[in-house]
C-alpha atoms as a PDB file:
ATOM      1  CA  UNK A   1       0.000   0.000   0.000  1.00  0.00           C
ATOM      2  CA  UNK A   2       1.335   3.417  -0.969  1.00  0.00           C
ATOM      3  CA  UNK A   3       1.938   6.116   1.622  1.00  0.00           C
ATOM      4  CA  UNK A   4      -0.874   8.226   0.131  1.00  0.00           C
ATOM      5  CA  UNK A   5      -3.358   5.352   0.242  1.00  0.00           C
ATOM      6  CA  UNK A   6      -2.386   4.618   3.836  1.00  0.00           C
ATOM      7  CA  UNK A   7      -2.910   8.239   4.808  1.00  0.00           C
ATOM      8  CA  UNK A   8      -6.342   8.227   3.176  1.00  0.00           C
ATOM      9  CA  UNK A   9      -7.361   5.150   5.158  1.00  0.00           C
ATOM     10  CA  UNK A  10      -6.126   6.744   8.375  1.00  0.00           C
ATOM     11  CA  UNK A  11      -8.072   9.911   7.599  1.00  0.00           C
ATOM     12  CA  UNK A  12     -11.199   7.919   6.833  1.00  0.00           C
ATOM     13  CA  UNK A  13     -10.964   6.019  10.125  1.00  0.00           C
ATOM     14  CA  UNK A  14     -10.273   9.224  12.058  1.00  0.00           C
ATOM     15  CA  UNK A  15     -13.359  10.875  10.623  1.00  0.00           C
ATOM     16  CA  UNK A  16     -15.455   7.780  11.321  1.00  0.00           C
ATOM     17  CA  UNK A  17     -14.384   7.834  14.969  1.00  0.00           C
ATOM     18  CA  UNK A  18     -15.149  11.550  15.177  1.00  0.00           C
ATOM     19  CA  UNK A  19     -18.688  10.866  13.984  1.00  0.00           C
ATOM     20  CA  UNK A  20     -19.083   8.120  16.594  1.00  0.00           C
ATOM     21  CA  UNK A  21     -17.784  10.504  19.278  1.00  0.00           C
ATOM     22  CA  UNK A  22     -20.275  13.139  18.123  1.00  0.00           C
ATOM     23  CA  UNK A  23     -23.136  10.632  18.238  1.00  0.00           C
ATOM     24  CA  UNK A  24     -22.271   9.681  21.807  1.00  0.00           C
ATOM     25  CA  UNK A  25     -22.025  13.341  22.815  1.00  0.00           C
ATOM     26  CA  UNK A  26     -25.441  14.140  21.326  1.00  0.00           C
ATOM     27  CA  UNK A  27     -27.031  11.016  22.816  1.00  0.00           C
ATOM     28  CA  UNK A  28     -25.691  11.903  26.256  1.00  0.00           C
ATOM     29  CA  UNK A  29     -27.780  15.089  26.122  1.00  0.00           C
ATOM     30  CA  UNK A  30     -30.961  14.157  24.214  1.00  0.00           C
ATOM     31  CA  UNK A  31     -30.970  10.344  24.505  1.00  0.00           C
ATOM     32  CA  UNK A  32     -30.457   7.765  21.772  1.00  0.00           C
ATOM     33  CA  UNK A  33     -34.127   7.743  20.737  1.00  0.00           C
ATOM     34  CA  UNK A  34     -34.276  11.517  20.168  1.00  0.00           C
ATOM     35  CA  UNK A  35     -30.855  11.789  18.534  1.00  0.00           C
ATOM     36  CA  UNK A  36     -30.900  12.728  14.842  1.00  0.00           C
ATOM     37  CA  UNK A  37     -28.332  12.524  12.070  1.00  0.00           C
ATOM     38  CA  UNK A  38     -28.552  16.319  11.665  1.00  0.00           C
ATOM     39  CA  UNK A  39     -27.574  16.816  15.299  1.00  0.00           C
ATOM     40  CA  UNK A  40     -24.648  14.428  14.920  1.00  0.00           C
ATOM     41  CA  UNK A  41     -23.459  16.218  11.773  1.00  0.00           C
ATOM     42  CA  UNK A  42     -23.563  19.599  13.524  1.00  0.00           C
ATOM     43  CA  UNK A  43     -21.717  18.225  16.546  1.00  0.00           C
ATOM     44  CA  UNK A  44     -19.041  16.687  14.320  1.00  0.00           C
ATOM     45  CA  UNK A  45     -18.885  19.888  12.241  1.00  0.00           C
ATOM     46  CA  UNK A  46     -19.466  17.921   9.091  1.00  0.00           C
ATOM     47  CA  UNK A  47     -22.081  18.075   6.374  1.00  0.00           C
ATOM     48  CA  UNK A  48     -25.086  15.814   6.770  1.00  0.00           C
ATOM     49  CA  UNK A  49     -24.249  14.252   3.405  1.00  0.00           C
ATOM     50  CA  UNK A  50     -20.746  13.327   4.577  1.00  0.00           C
ATOM     51  CA  UNK A  51     -22.098  11.637   7.696  1.00  0.00           C
ATOM     52  CA  UNK A  52     -24.272   9.493   5.431  1.00  0.00           C
ATOM     53  CA  UNK A  53     -21.170   8.472   3.481  1.00  0.00           C
ATOM     54  CA  UNK A  54     -19.884   6.764   6.624  1.00  0.00           C
ATOM     55  CA  UNK A  55     -23.178   5.573   8.121  1.00  0.00           C
ATOM     56  CA  UNK A  56     -26.217   4.640   6.063  1.00  0.00           C
ATOM     57  CA  UNK A  57     -28.748   5.752   8.683  1.00  0.00           C
ATOM     58  CA  UNK A  58     -29.202   6.252  12.411  1.00  0.00           C
ATOM     59  CA  UNK A  59     -29.475   2.510  13.073  1.00  0.00           C
ATOM     60  CA  UNK A  60     -26.191   1.945  11.243  1.00  0.00           C
ATOM     61  CA  UNK A  61     -24.578   4.701  13.314  1.00  0.00           C
ATOM     62  CA  UNK A  62     -25.814   3.192  16.578  1.00  0.00           C
ATOM     63  CA  UNK A  63     -24.489  -0.197  15.508  1.00  0.00           C
ATOM     64  CA  UNK A  64     -21.123   1.505  15.013  1.00  0.00           C
ATOM     65  CA  UNK A  65     -21.308   2.789  18.590  1.00  0.00           C
ATOM     66  CA  UNK A  66     -22.300  -0.645  19.878  1.00  0.00           C
ATOM     67  CA  UNK A  67     -19.486  -2.445  18.061  1.00  0.00           C
ATOM     68  CA  UNK A  68     -16.949  -0.022  19.521  1.00  0.00           C
ATOM     69  CA  UNK A  69     -18.464  -0.590  22.966  1.00  0.00           C
ATOM     70  CA  UNK A  70     -18.290  -4.366  22.612  1.00  0.00           C
ATOM     71  CA  UNK A  71     -14.670  -4.228  21.469  1.00  0.00           C
ATOM     72  CA  UNK A  72     -13.772  -2.068  24.447  1.00  0.00           C
ATOM     73  CA  UNK A  73     -15.661  -4.250  26.907  1.00  0.00           C
ATOM     74  CA  UNK A  74     -14.064  -7.424  25.599  1.00  0.00           C
ATOM     75  CA  UNK A  75     -10.608  -5.863  25.907  1.00  0.00           C
ATOM     76  CA  UNK A  76     -11.318  -5.479  29.618  1.00  0.00           C
ATOM     77  CA  UNK A  77     -12.475  -9.086  29.880  1.00  0.00           C
ATOM     78  CA  UNK A  78      -9.396 -10.341  28.033  1.00  0.00           C
ATOM     79  CA  UNK A  79      -7.212  -8.366  30.425  1.00  0.00           C
ATOM     80  CA  UNK A  80      -8.991 -10.090  33.326  1.00  0.00           C
ATOM     81  CA  UNK A  81      -8.319 -13.501  31.776  1.00  0.00           C
ATOM     82  CA  UNK A  82      -4.607 -12.726  31.626  1.00  0.00           C
ATOM     83  CA  UNK A  83      -4.440 -12.417  35.425  1.00  0.00           C
ATOM     84  CA  UNK A  84      -3.054 -15.475  37.307  1.00  0.00           C
ATOM     85  CA  UNK A  85      -6.053 -15.939  39.612  1.00  0.00           C
ATOM     86  CA  UNK A  86      -8.703 -18.623  40.006  1.00  0.00           C
ATOM     87  CA  UNK A  87     -11.612 -18.789  37.604  1.00  0.00           C
ATOM     88  CA  UNK A  88     -14.178 -17.649  40.180  1.00  0.00           C
ATOM     89  CA  UNK A  89     -12.125 -14.513  40.769  1.00  0.00           C
ATOM     90  CA  UNK A  90     -11.933 -13.944  37.013  1.00  0.00           C
ATOM     91  CA  UNK A  91     -15.716 -14.219  36.775  1.00  0.00           C
ATOM     92  CA  UNK A  92     -16.121 -11.635  39.535  1.00  0.00           C
ATOM     93  CA  UNK A  93     -13.553  -9.363  37.874  1.00  0.00           C
ATOM     94  CA  UNK A  94     -15.418  -9.589  34.551  1.00  0.00           C
ATOM     95  CA  UNK A  95     -18.632  -8.613  36.313  1.00  0.00           C
ATOM     96  CA  UNK A  96     -16.978  -5.650  37.994  1.00  0.00           C
ATOM     97  CA  UNK A  97     -15.399  -4.635  34.687  1.00  0.00           C
ATOM     98  CA  UNK A  98     -18.901  -4.578  33.169  1.00  0.00           C
ATOM     99  CA  UNK A  99     -20.241  -2.431  36.022  1.00  0.00           C
ATOM    100  CA  UNK A 100     -17.318  -0.007  35.698  1.00  0.00           C
ATOM    101  CA  UNK A 101     -17.734   0.132  31.922  1.00  0.00           C
ATOM    102  CA  UNK A 102     -21.422   1.057  32.283  1.00  0.00           C
ATOM    103  CA  UNK A 103     -20.536   3.797  34.773  1.00  0.00           C
ATOM    104  CA  UNK A 104     -17.735   5.224  32.645  1.00  0.00           C
ATOM    105  CA  UNK A 105     -19.615   4.999  29.334  1.00  0.00           C
ATOM    106  CA  UNK A 106     -23.354   5.182  30.070  1.00  0.00           C
ATOM    107  CA  UNK A 107     -24.269   6.018  26.475  1.00  0.00           C
ATOM    108  CA  UNK A 108     -22.407   2.998  25.137  1.00  0.00           C
ATOM    109  CA  UNK A 109     -24.127   0.813  27.712  1.00  0.00           C
ATOM    110  CA  UNK A 110     -27.533   2.224  26.726  1.00  0.00           C
ATOM    111  CA  UNK A 111     -26.860   1.540  23.045  1.00  0.00           C
ATOM    112  CA  UNK A 112     -25.903  -2.046  23.857  1.00  0.00           C
ATOM    113  CA  UNK A 113     -29.059  -2.423  25.939  1.00  0.00           C
ATOM    114  CA  UNK A 114     -31.106  -0.982  23.071  1.00  0.00           C
ATOM    115  CA  UNK A 115     -29.869  -3.559  20.567  1.00  0.00           C
ATOM    116  CA  UNK A 116     -30.123  -6.427  23.029  1.00  0.00           C
ATOM    117  CA  UNK A 117     -33.773  -5.523  23.602  1.00  0.00           C
ATOM    118  CA  UNK A 118     -34.740  -4.637  20.013  1.00  0.00           C
ATOM    119  CA  UNK A 119     -33.815  -6.929  17.152  1.00  0.00           C
ATOM    120  CA  UNK A 120     -34.114  -5.453  13.633  1.00  0.00           C
ATOM    121  CA  UNK A 121     -37.474  -5.807  11.905  1.00  0.00           C
ATOM    122  CA  UNK A 122     -38.082  -6.380   8.230  1.00  0.00           C
ATOM    123  CA  UNK A 123     -35.132  -7.159   5.947  1.00  0.00           C
ATOM    124  CA  UNK A 124     -32.038  -8.307   7.820  1.00  0.00           C
ATOM    125  CA  UNK A 125     -29.499  -5.506   8.161  1.00  0.00           C
ATOM    126  CA  UNK A 126     -25.965  -6.758   7.343  1.00  0.00           C
ATOM    127  CA  UNK A 127     -24.547  -4.188   9.770  1.00  0.00           C
ATOM    128  CA  UNK A 128     -26.476  -5.880  12.578  1.00  0.00           C
ATOM    129  CA  UNK A 129     -24.397  -8.981  11.908  1.00  0.00           C
ATOM    130  CA  UNK A 130     -21.383  -7.009  13.159  1.00  0.00           C
ATOM    131  CA  UNK A 131     -23.216  -6.366  16.423  1.00  0.00           C
ATOM    132  CA  UNK A 132     -23.986 -10.071  16.778  1.00  0.00           C
ATOM    133  CA  UNK A 133     -20.413 -11.080  15.896  1.00  0.00           C
ATOM    134  CA  UNK A 134     -18.747  -8.659  18.301  1.00  0.00           C
ATOM    135  CA  UNK A 135     -21.389  -9.394  20.934  1.00  0.00           C
ATOM    136  CA  UNK A 136     -20.239 -13.007  21.043  1.00  0.00           C
ATOM    137  CA  UNK A 137     -16.751 -12.027  22.181  1.00  0.00           C
ATOM    138  CA  UNK A 138     -17.459 -10.789  25.733  1.00  0.00           C
ATOM    139  CA  UNK A 139     -19.697 -13.820  26.285  1.00  0.00           C
ATOM    140  CA  UNK A 140     -16.913 -16.097  25.026  1.00  0.00           C
ATOM    141  CA  UNK A 141     -14.445 -14.442  27.395  1.00  0.00           C
ATOM    142  CA  UNK A 142     -16.803 -14.826  30.364  1.00  0.00           C
ATOM    143  CA  UNK A 143     -17.387 -18.452  29.377  1.00  0.00           C
ATOM    144  CA  UNK A 144     -13.630 -18.985  29.390  1.00  0.00           C
ATOM    145  CA  UNK A 145     -13.407 -17.593  32.926  1.00  0.00           C
ATOM    146  CA  UNK A 146     -16.124 -20.044  33.993  1.00  0.00           C
ATOM    147  CA  UNK A 147     -14.292 -22.912  32.311  1.00  0.00           C
ATOM    148  CA  UNK A 148     -11.110 -21.885  34.131  1.00  0.00           C
ATOM    149  CA  UNK A 149     -13.029 -22.042  37.400  1.00  0.00           C
ATOM    150  CA  UNK A 150     -14.343 -25.501  36.597  1.00  0.00           C
ATOM    151  CA  UNK A 151     -10.819 -26.685  35.854  1.00  0.00           C
ATOM    152  CA  UNK A 152      -9.215 -25.217  38.979  1.00  0.00           C
ATOM    153  CA  UNK A 153     -12.113 -26.287  41.220  1.00  0.00           C
ATOM    154  CA  UNK A 154     -13.176 -22.812  42.335  1.00  0.00           C
ATOM    155  CA  UNK A 155     -16.568 -23.156  40.577  1.00  0.00           C
ATOM    156  CA  UNK A 156     -19.030 -25.975  41.195  1.00  0.00           C
ATOM    157  CA  UNK A 157     -19.302 -28.517  38.385  1.00  0.00           C
ATOM    158  CA  UNK A 158     -23.067 -29.097  38.739  1.00  0.00           C
ATOM    159  CA  UNK A 159     -24.267 -25.767  37.342  1.00  0.00           C
ATOM    160  CA  UNK A 160     -24.736 -26.860  33.763  1.00  0.00           C
ATOM    161  CA  UNK A 161     -23.190 -25.768  30.493  1.00  0.00           C
ATOM    162  CA  UNK A 162     -20.580 -22.964  30.926  1.00  0.00           C
ATOM    163  CA  UNK A 163     -22.116 -20.984  28.055  1.00  0.00           C
ATOM    164  CA  UNK A 164     -25.551 -21.186  29.700  1.00  0.00           C
ATOM    165  CA  UNK A 165     -24.076 -20.024  32.995  1.00  0.00           C
ATOM    166  CA  UNK A 166     -22.318 -17.170  31.177  1.00  0.00           C
ATOM    167  CA  UNK A 167     -25.614 -15.887  29.746  1.00  0.00           C
ATOM    168  CA  UNK A 168     -27.292 -16.266  33.140  1.00  0.00           C
ATOM    169  CA  UNK A 169     -24.617 -14.194  34.870  1.00  0.00           C
ATOM    170  CA  UNK A 170     -24.678 -11.635  32.060  1.00  0.00           C
ATOM    171  CA  UNK A 171     -28.440 -11.241  32.426  1.00  0.00           C
ATOM    172  CA  UNK A 172     -28.123 -10.837  36.191  1.00  0.00           C
ATOM    173  CA  UNK A 173     -25.506  -8.091  36.047  1.00  0.00           C
ATOM    174  CA  UNK A 174     -27.066  -6.374  33.020  1.00  0.00           C
ATOM    175  CA  UNK A 175     -30.410  -6.189  34.818  1.00  0.00           C
ATOM    176  CA  UNK A 176     -28.860  -4.903  38.044  1.00  0.00           C
ATOM    177  CA  UNK A 177     -26.950  -2.203  36.163  1.00  0.00           C
ATOM    178  CA  UNK A 178     -30.160  -1.081  34.447  1.00  0.00           C
ATOM    179  CA  UNK A 179     -31.954  -0.928  37.804  1.00  0.00           C
ATOM    180  CA  UNK A 180     -29.232   1.277  39.259  1.00  0.00           C
ATOM    181  CA  UNK A 181     -29.447   3.575  36.240  1.00  0.00           C
ATOM    182  CA  UNK A 182     -33.193   3.839  35.707  1.00  0.00           C
ATOM    183  CA  UNK A 183     -34.904   2.857  38.957  1.00  0.00           C
ATOM    184  CA  UNK A 184     -32.790   4.715  41.468  1.00  0.00           C
ATOM    185  CA  UNK A 185     -35.857   6.485  42.910  1.00  0.00           C
ATOM    186  CA  UNK A 186     -37.598   3.197  43.627  1.00  0.00           C
ATOM    187  CA  UNK A 187     -34.453   1.784  45.175  1.00  0.00           C
ATOM    188  CA  UNK A 188     -34.049   4.804  47.416  1.00  0.00           C
ATOM    189  CA  UNK A 189     -37.672   4.600  48.581  1.00  0.00           C
ATOM    190  CA  UNK A 190     -36.992   0.990  49.542  1.00  0.00           C
ATOM    191  CA  UNK A 191     -33.881   2.028  51.420  1.00  0.00           C
ATOM    192  CA  UNK A 192     -31.581   0.304  48.930  1.00  0.00           C
ATOM    193  CA  UNK A 193     -28.520   2.016  47.490  1.00  0.00           C
ATOM    194  CA  UNK A 194     -27.176   1.284  44.029  1.00  0.00           C
ATOM    195  CA  UNK A 195     -23.912   0.073  45.515  1.00  0.00           C
ATOM    196  CA  UNK A 196     -25.581  -2.309  47.960  1.00  0.00           C
ATOM    197  CA  UNK A 197     -27.704  -3.803  45.165  1.00  0.00           C
ATOM    198  CA  UNK A 198     -24.631  -4.388  43.025  1.00  0.00           C
ATOM    199  CA  UNK A 199     -22.709  -5.968  45.893  1.00  0.00           C
ATOM    200  CA  UNK A 200     -25.681  -8.140  46.846  1.00  0.00           C
ATOM    201  CA  UNK A 201     -25.900  -9.377  43.259  1.00  0.00           C
ATOM    202  CA  UNK A 202     -22.236 -10.311  43.292  1.00  0.00           C
ATOM    203  CA  UNK A 203     -22.521 -12.124  46.622  1.00  0.00           C
ATOM    204  CA  UNK A 204     -25.549 -14.125  45.480  1.00  0.00           C
ATOM    205  CA  UNK A 205     -23.884 -15.152  42.222  1.00  0.00           C
ATOM    206  CA  UNK A 206     -20.477 -15.940  43.692  1.00  0.00           C
ATOM    207  CA  UNK A 207     -21.847 -17.847  46.677  1.00  0.00           C
ATOM    208  CA  UNK A 208     -24.055 -19.903  44.347  1.00  0.00           C
ATOM    209  CA  UNK A 209     -21.099 -20.808  42.148  1.00  0.00           C
ATOM    210  CA  UNK A 210     -18.496 -21.492  44.818  1.00  0.00           C
ATOM    211  CA  UNK A 211     -17.840 -24.856  46.394  1.00  0.00           C
ATOM    212  CA  UNK A 212     -19.584 -24.483  49.742  1.00  0.00           C
ATOM    213  CA  UNK A 213     -17.322 -21.726  51.088  1.00  0.00           C
ATOM    214  CA  UNK A 214     -19.135 -18.374  51.220  1.00  0.00           C
ATOM    215  CA  UNK A 215     -17.380 -15.529  49.421  1.00  0.00           C
ATOM    216  CA  UNK A 216     -18.914 -13.029  51.824  1.00  0.00           C
ATOM    217  CA  UNK A 217     -16.292 -10.847  53.477  1.00  0.00           C
END
């Protein structure tokens, strides 16, 4: 590849990332449902037509945000798997990485939640296949942590298929994160803090998976 062609590719990727950054900035103010391509173009200081060169429509743009989020989340999970600790500890670390990710990047979390709750209707969108493909990676990493725990004996071996357990744990933490983000008023009226709910979720899951010994501090 020539130097000029390489520079063009770098410029194209830089502009694409700028559009994604602009979309996240707009969504953080108006929400992902109310966000428009015009608003994103203005935020990115680009023409509306140029934004459409990079992203076919709003759904395509949100998929771009979600794929970036999934890549980033899986990088955190992979880092956890590189640590020389028992599988149960890796599972807990993955869960805490997910909680921290949602807190640091609430818009990215909301976009992920949007696509997990709303599958495309009508003709299948090829871009959605990217979301499905990248979405498999964090689950595969969490499944690996579970498998590590089964091998080293830190996780019970009577809990079923590791992939099934991975999805169960994902659903638990995903739901708890959403509660802490959207139902904080109800939690407060019940005398429950977001932090205590998160910690209770971890204790329930870890105690259920461990071999008899409570993980409670």
